[in-house]
Amino acid sequence: EVQSSGGDDNVRVQPTSASSATVTQDGQPIVNVSNVVGGTFTVNTLAGTDDVTIDGSNAADTFAATSALVTITGRLAVNLLGEESLALDGHDGNDIFNVTPAAIPIFVDGGDPIGLPGDILNLIVAAGTNVLFNAGPENDSGSLTTNIAGTEPVSLDQIERIGPIDGGGVGTATINGTNGADAITIIARDASF
């Protein structure tokens, strides 16, 4: 288990392989984790107001994230305790983010677009959940909120596509435009896209 200072901290975790990761706190290296048996380790931010960022690589990564666990395919999984916000940073590559809304805000940064298909955000929710998309200041930014009690928004930037909202049948999907002229395109397809 890696613990932060107990104050207000910004912790970054870069899983580098299936058994190793680099952890920094407030921009300073604090530990290189290696030879982890079992494929997972824990970051405990203790007291204070703490932000945790999980970094992907410059290749195409697939993230699965809740407020308690973040996995990146082929890399060391990270258990989380005590954070007040979570960020996922895909860096370069066509990344896939499978995110479950939580009681803390989650921010997803796809990183630089590398052509099509670009970065994809899939929201994982229960059947019958209502989802609201609020457009951001750029065409690849915004936030997704749900009617699930106690959940915070999933904010996004540099995301080229929002994939199917996985929940076995979503309730209502609402898209809010901006105060300016908006061009909103919705493509109704089957579950494969």
Protein backbone atom coordinates (compact mmCIF):
# COMPACT_ATOMS: atom_id res chain seq x y z
CA GLU A 1 0.00 0.00 0.00
CA VAL A 2 1.22 3.48 -0.91
CA GLN A 3 0.00 6.29 1.37
CA SER A 4 0.02 10.03 0.69
CA SER A 5 0.96 12.72 3.22
CA GLY A 6 -2.43 13.03 4.91
CA GLY A 7 -2.71 16.65 3.71
CA ASP A 8 -4.19 17.96 0.46
CA ASP A 9 -2.38 15.94 -2.21
CA ASN A 10 -2.25 15.45 -5.96
CA VAL A 11 -1.22 11.86 -6.56
CA ARG A 12 -0.38 10.46 -10.02
CA VAL A 13 -0.04 6.76 -10.72
CA GLN A 14 1.47 5.47 -13.97
CA PRO A 15 1.08 1.68 -14.25
CA THR A 16 4.07 0.69 -16.39
CA SER A 17 3.57 -3.10 -16.64
CA ALA A 18 1.44 -5.87 -15.19
CA SER A 19 3.57 -5.79 -12.01
CA SER A 20 4.94 -2.24 -11.71
CA ALA A 21 3.99 1.43 -11.47
CA THR A 22 5.42 4.86 -10.70
CA VAL A 23 3.72 7.04 -8.08
CA THR A 24 4.26 10.79 -7.68
CA GLN A 25 2.80 13.20 -5.13
CA ASP A 26 2.52 16.92 -5.87
CA GLY A 27 4.94 16.48 -8.79
CA GLN A 28 7.62 14.70 -6.74
CA PRO A 29 8.44 11.00 -7.15
CA ILE A 30 7.55 9.08 -4.01
CA VAL A 31 7.86 5.43 -5.02
CA ASN A 32 8.45 3.00 -7.84
CA VAL A 33 6.33 -0.07 -7.27
CA SER A 34 7.70 -3.25 -8.84
CA ASN A 35 7.36 -7.01 -8.76
CA VAL A 36 3.82 -6.81 -7.38
CA VAL A 37 2.32 -10.28 -6.99
CA GLY A 38 -1.39 -10.56 -7.74
CA GLY A 39 -1.57 -7.72 -10.27
CA THR A 40 -2.94 -4.99 -7.99
CA PHE A 41 -1.78 -2.53 -5.35
CA THR A 42 -3.46 0.17 -3.24
CA VAL A 43 -3.09 3.94 -3.10
CA ASN A 44 -4.50 5.34 0.17
CA THR A 45 -4.71 9.15 0.21
CA LEU A 46 -5.60 9.29 3.91
CA ALA A 47 -6.98 12.66 5.16
CA GLY A 48 -7.17 15.98 3.30
CA THR A 49 -8.66 16.83 -0.06
CA ASP A 50 -6.91 14.54 -2.51
CA ASP A 51 -6.92 14.23 -6.28
CA VAL A 52 -5.71 11.00 -7.90
CA THR A 53 -4.76 10.75 -11.59
CA ILE A 54 -4.17 7.41 -13.29
CA ASP A 55 -2.00 7.77 -16.40
CA GLY A 56 -2.21 5.56 -19.45
CA SER A 57 0.52 5.18 -22.04
CA ASN A 58 1.05 6.74 -25.46
CA ALA A 59 -0.35 3.55 -27.02
CA ALA A 60 -4.01 2.55 -27.26
CA ASP A 61 -5.18 1.70 -23.71
CA THR A 62 -8.42 0.29 -22.33
CA PHE A 63 -9.37 1.67 -18.90
CA ALA A 64 -12.04 0.32 -16.55
CA ALA A 65 -12.72 2.71 -13.68
CA THR A 66 -14.77 3.03 -10.54
CA SER A 67 -13.93 5.19 -7.52
CA ALA A 68 -12.38 2.12 -5.86
CA LEU A 69 -10.47 0.43 -8.70
CA VAL A 70 -8.83 1.42 -11.98
CA THR A 71 -7.51 -1.14 -14.42
CA ILE A 72 -5.68 -0.64 -17.70
CA THR A 73 -5.49 -3.77 -19.83
CA GLY A 74 -2.09 -5.43 -19.47
CA ARG A 75 -0.97 -3.14 -16.63
CA LEU A 76 -0.97 -3.18 -12.84
CA ALA A 77 -4.43 -2.53 -11.36
CA VAL A 78 -4.78 0.27 -8.79
CA ASN A 79 -7.08 0.05 -5.75
CA LEU A 80 -8.04 3.50 -4.44
CA LEU A 81 -8.93 4.64 -0.93
CA GLY A 82 -9.81 8.13 0.31
CA GLU A 83 -9.60 10.22 -2.86
CA GLU A 84 -11.99 13.14 -3.35
CA SER A 85 -11.65 13.15 -7.14
CA LEU A 86 -10.31 10.82 -9.83
CA ALA A 87 -8.82 11.66 -13.23
CA LEU A 88 -7.95 9.28 -16.06
CA ASP A 89 -5.35 10.53 -18.56
CA GLY A 90 -5.13 8.50 -21.74
CA HIS A 91 -2.28 10.47 -23.34
CA ASP A 92 -1.81 9.58 -27.02
CA GLY A 93 -3.44 6.66 -28.79
CA ASN A 94 -7.02 5.59 -29.43
CA ASP A 95 -8.10 4.85 -25.87
CA ILE A 96 -11.28 3.27 -24.51
CA PHE A 97 -12.60 4.40 -21.13
CA ASN A 98 -15.25 2.25 -19.40
CA VAL A 99 -16.34 4.39 -16.47
CA THR A 100 -18.87 3.77 -13.70
CA PRO A 101 -20.19 7.01 -12.12
CA ALA A 102 -19.35 7.32 -8.43
CA ALA A 103 -19.80 9.48 -5.33
CA ILE A 104 -16.73 11.47 -6.41
CA PRO A 105 -16.24 13.42 -9.65
CA ILE A 106 -14.36 11.54 -12.36
CA PHE A 107 -12.54 13.41 -15.16
CA VAL A 108 -11.55 11.61 -18.38
CA ASP A 109 -8.89 13.18 -20.64
CA GLY A 110 -8.45 11.19 -23.83
CA GLY A 111 -5.24 12.96 -24.80
CA ASP A 112 -4.32 13.99 -28.29
CA PRO A 113 -6.58 12.54 -30.99
CA ILE A 114 -4.83 10.13 -33.31
CA GLY A 115 -7.37 9.98 -36.13
CA LEU A 116 -10.39 7.76 -36.20
CA PRO A 117 -11.83 6.14 -34.19
CA GLY A 118 -10.23 8.40 -31.58
CA ASP A 119 -10.88 8.08 -27.85
CA ILE A 120 -14.15 6.51 -26.69
CA LEU A 121 -15.96 6.94 -23.36
CA ASN A 122 -18.43 4.21 -22.36
CA LEU A 123 -20.59 5.00 -19.34
CA ILE A 124 -21.41 1.90 -17.26
CA VAL A 125 -24.78 2.27 -15.50
CA ALA A 126 -27.68 0.11 -14.30
CA ALA A 127 -30.71 -0.61 -16.47
CA GLY A 128 -33.24 2.21 -16.49
CA THR A 129 -30.73 4.94 -15.57
CA ASN A 130 -31.37 8.38 -17.04
CA VAL A 131 -28.28 10.02 -18.56
CA LEU A 132 -27.74 13.72 -19.26
CA PHE A 133 -24.96 15.05 -21.51
CA ASN A 134 -23.90 18.67 -21.00
CA ALA A 135 -21.77 20.05 -23.82
CA GLY A 136 -18.48 21.68 -22.90
CA PRO A 137 -16.71 24.67 -24.47
CA GLU A 138 -15.12 22.46 -27.17
CA ASN A 139 -16.72 19.81 -29.36
CA ASP A 140 -14.82 17.03 -27.59
CA SER A 141 -15.63 18.06 -24.02
CA GLY A 142 -18.54 18.07 -21.59
CA SER A 143 -19.98 16.00 -18.77
CA LEU A 144 -22.31 13.07 -18.24
CA THR A 145 -24.59 12.93 -15.23
CA THR A 146 -27.12 10.33 -14.14
CA ASN A 147 -30.18 10.12 -11.92
CA ILE A 148 -28.36 7.68 -9.62
CA ALA A 149 -28.56 9.18 -6.12
CA GLY A 150 -25.21 10.31 -4.74
CA THR A 151 -23.21 10.17 -7.97
CA GLU A 152 -21.10 13.02 -9.30
CA PRO A 153 -20.54 13.94 -12.97
CA VAL A 154 -18.16 12.16 -15.29
CA SER A 155 -16.44 15.05 -17.09
CA LEU A 156 -14.62 14.61 -20.36
CA ASP A 157 -12.13 16.38 -22.61
CA GLN A 158 -10.47 15.27 -25.85
CA ILE A 159 -12.99 12.43 -26.23
CA GLU A 160 -13.97 11.90 -29.86
CA ARG A 161 -16.90 9.54 -29.21
CA ILE A 162 -19.28 8.58 -26.46
CA GLY A 163 -19.99 4.90 -26.93
CA PRO A 164 -23.13 2.98 -26.11
CA ILE A 165 -24.23 3.63 -22.55
CA ASP A 166 -23.97 0.16 -21.07
CA GLY A 167 -26.72 -0.76 -18.68
CA GLY A 168 -29.07 -3.19 -20.35
CA GLY A 169 -31.48 -0.48 -21.44
CA VAL A 170 -30.95 3.11 -20.43
CA GLY A 171 -33.92 5.18 -19.28
CA THR A 172 -33.81 8.59 -20.93
CA ALA A 173 -30.80 10.11 -22.66
CA THR A 174 -30.87 13.93 -22.79
CA ILE A 175 -28.36 16.16 -24.62
CA ASN A 176 -28.05 19.79 -23.56
CA GLY A 177 -26.51 22.19 -26.06
CA THR A 178 -24.63 25.39 -25.31
CA ASN A 179 -25.84 29.00 -25.40
CA GLY A 180 -24.48 29.32 -28.95
CA ALA A 181 -25.35 27.67 -32.24
CA ASP A 182 -25.00 23.91 -31.83
CA ALA A 183 -24.73 21.10 -34.36
CA ILE A 184 -25.71 17.86 -32.64
CA THR A 185 -25.50 14.59 -34.54
CA ILE A 186 -27.02 11.40 -33.20
CA ILE A 187 -26.46 8.15 -35.01
CA ALA A 188 -28.82 5.36 -33.98
CA ARG A 189 -27.12 2.02 -34.50
CA ASP A 190 -27.11 -1.41 -33.01
CA ALA A 191 -25.12 -2.34 -29.89
CA SER A 192 -21.92 -2.93 -31.93
CA PHE A 193 -21.17 0.82 -32.11
